[in-house]
Amino acid sequence: MDTTPQEAAQAVALLQAGISQREVARRLRISRSSIQRVYRRYLETGAFDRRPGTGRPRATSAADDRNIQLTVLRNRRLNAVQVQRSLRDERQVVISSDTVRRRLAERNLTPR
């Protein structure tokens, strides 16, 4: 389970106040392993934020994703290739038609 920075700060404060990990987990309704992970991260980095993830960055931004969604909702007869071309023409974003299909599937939409 991912914890927010606020939850992590709360957990660390309670642990530093001398409360057990089990009790902190119960109070915050977070698993004990999450409390352990948060505290270990705090001791290593001094921060409450998660470390940046690995892997390839997304090809589209949130604005591009919204544009794909709106394009399909405005014209339900467009297929993925046509949506891909409209995104390229309007926003100069070059992505594959498979990426268009994935972004639409994330929002429970399908192209024609």
Protein backbone atom coordinates (compact mmCIF):
# COMPACT_ATOMS: atom_id res chain seq x y z
CA MET A 1 0.00 0.00 0.00
CA ASP A 2 1.35 3.43 -0.88
CA THR A 3 1.37 5.97 1.88
CA THR A 4 1.03 9.70 1.42
CA PRO A 5 3.82 11.96 2.69
CA GLN A 6 1.43 13.15 5.41
CA GLU A 7 0.79 9.60 6.61
CA ALA A 8 4.52 8.88 6.52
CA ALA A 9 5.29 11.99 8.59
CA GLN A 10 2.60 11.00 11.09
CA ALA A 11 4.00 7.47 11.35
CA VAL A 12 7.57 8.69 11.88
CA ALA A 13 6.44 11.18 14.53
CA LEU A 14 4.59 8.45 16.43
CA LEU A 15 7.54 6.06 16.17
CA GLN A 16 9.94 8.74 17.44
CA ALA A 17 7.54 9.36 20.33
CA GLY A 18 8.22 5.79 21.43
CA ILE A 19 5.06 4.08 20.16
CA SER A 20 5.55 0.58 18.74
CA GLN A 21 5.28 -0.11 15.02
CA ARG A 22 2.33 -2.41 15.66
CA GLU A 23 0.45 0.32 17.54
CA VAL A 24 1.27 2.95 14.90
CA ALA A 25 -0.01 0.60 12.18
CA ARG A 26 -3.23 0.05 14.12
CA ARG A 27 -3.80 3.76 14.75
CA LEU A 28 -3.18 4.81 11.16
CA ARG A 29 -4.88 1.73 9.67
CA ILE A 30 -1.78 0.95 7.61
CA SER A 31 -0.04 -2.42 7.45
CA ARG A 32 2.93 -2.94 9.74
CA SER A 33 5.19 -3.68 6.77
CA SER A 34 4.26 -0.27 5.31
CA ILE A 35 5.20 1.37 8.60
CA GLN A 36 8.54 -0.45 8.54
CA ARG A 37 9.18 0.63 4.95
CA VAL A 38 8.26 4.26 5.64
CA TYR A 39 10.51 4.43 8.70
CA ARG A 40 13.43 2.76 6.91
CA ARG A 41 13.07 5.21 4.02
CA TYR A 42 12.99 8.12 6.48
CA LEU A 43 16.17 6.90 8.20
CA GLU A 44 17.97 6.44 4.86
CA THR A 45 16.89 9.62 3.09
CA GLY A 46 15.48 11.91 5.77
CA ALA A 47 12.42 12.43 3.56
CA PHE A 48 8.83 11.25 3.55
CA ASP A 49 8.38 11.19 -0.23
CA ARG A 50 8.69 8.03 -2.26
CA ARG A 51 11.78 7.49 -4.34
CA PRO A 52 11.33 8.09 -8.06
CA GLY A 53 10.18 4.99 -9.91
CA THR A 54 12.16 3.18 -12.54
CA GLY A 55 11.09 2.36 -16.03
CA ARG A 56 10.24 4.16 -19.17
CA PRO A 57 8.41 7.48 -18.83
CA ARG A 58 4.92 7.80 -20.28
CA ALA A 59 4.72 8.93 -23.89
CA THR A 60 1.73 11.18 -23.20
CA SER A 61 1.01 13.80 -20.57
CA ALA A 62 -2.24 14.11 -18.64
CA ALA A 63 -3.31 16.86 -21.08
CA ASP A 64 -2.60 14.55 -24.03
CA ASP A 65 -4.64 11.79 -22.38
CA ARG A 66 -7.57 14.19 -21.93
CA ASN A 67 -7.27 15.27 -25.56
CA ILE A 68 -7.43 11.64 -26.71
CA GLN A 69 -10.49 11.03 -24.56
CA LEU A 70 -12.29 14.16 -25.72
CA THR A 71 -11.49 13.49 -29.36
CA VAL A 72 -13.11 10.06 -29.15
CA LEU A 73 -16.09 11.32 -27.17
CA ARG A 74 -16.74 14.10 -29.70
CA ASN A 75 -16.63 11.73 -32.64
CA ARG A 76 -17.35 8.11 -31.75
CA ARG A 77 -16.68 6.97 -35.33
CA LEU A 78 -12.94 7.68 -35.21
CA ASN A 79 -10.58 4.74 -35.07
CA ALA A 80 -7.27 4.67 -33.19
CA VAL A 81 -5.19 5.64 -36.23
CA GLN A 82 -7.37 8.70 -36.87
CA VAL A 83 -7.11 9.74 -33.21
CA GLN A 84 -3.34 9.26 -33.41
CA ARG A 85 -3.15 11.52 -36.46
CA SER A 86 -5.33 14.21 -34.89
CA LEU A 87 -3.10 14.24 -31.79
CA ARG A 88 -0.03 14.54 -34.00
CA ASP A 89 -1.57 17.40 -36.00
CA GLU A 90 -3.06 19.31 -33.06
CA ARG A 91 -0.47 18.81 -30.32
CA GLN A 92 2.65 17.61 -32.19
CA VAL A 93 2.74 14.44 -30.08
CA VAL A 94 3.93 11.36 -31.95
CA ILE A 95 2.58 8.13 -30.44
CA SER A 96 1.51 4.76 -31.78
CA SER A 97 -2.07 3.73 -32.37
CA ASP A 98 -1.52 1.06 -29.69
CA THR A 99 -0.78 3.83 -27.19
CA VAL A 100 -4.06 5.49 -28.17
CA ARG A 101 -5.88 2.21 -27.55
CA ARG A 102 -4.18 1.80 -24.14
CA ARG A 103 -5.04 5.36 -23.06
CA LEU A 104 -8.66 4.84 -24.05
CA ALA A 105 -8.79 1.46 -22.28
CA GLU A 106 -7.53 3.20 -19.10
CA ARG A 107 -10.72 5.28 -19.24
CA ASN A 108 -12.96 2.39 -20.30
CA LEU A 109 -13.39 3.71 -23.83
CA THR A 110 -12.79 1.97 -27.13
CA PRO A 111 -12.14 3.43 -30.56
CA ARG A 112 -14.21 2.21 -33.48
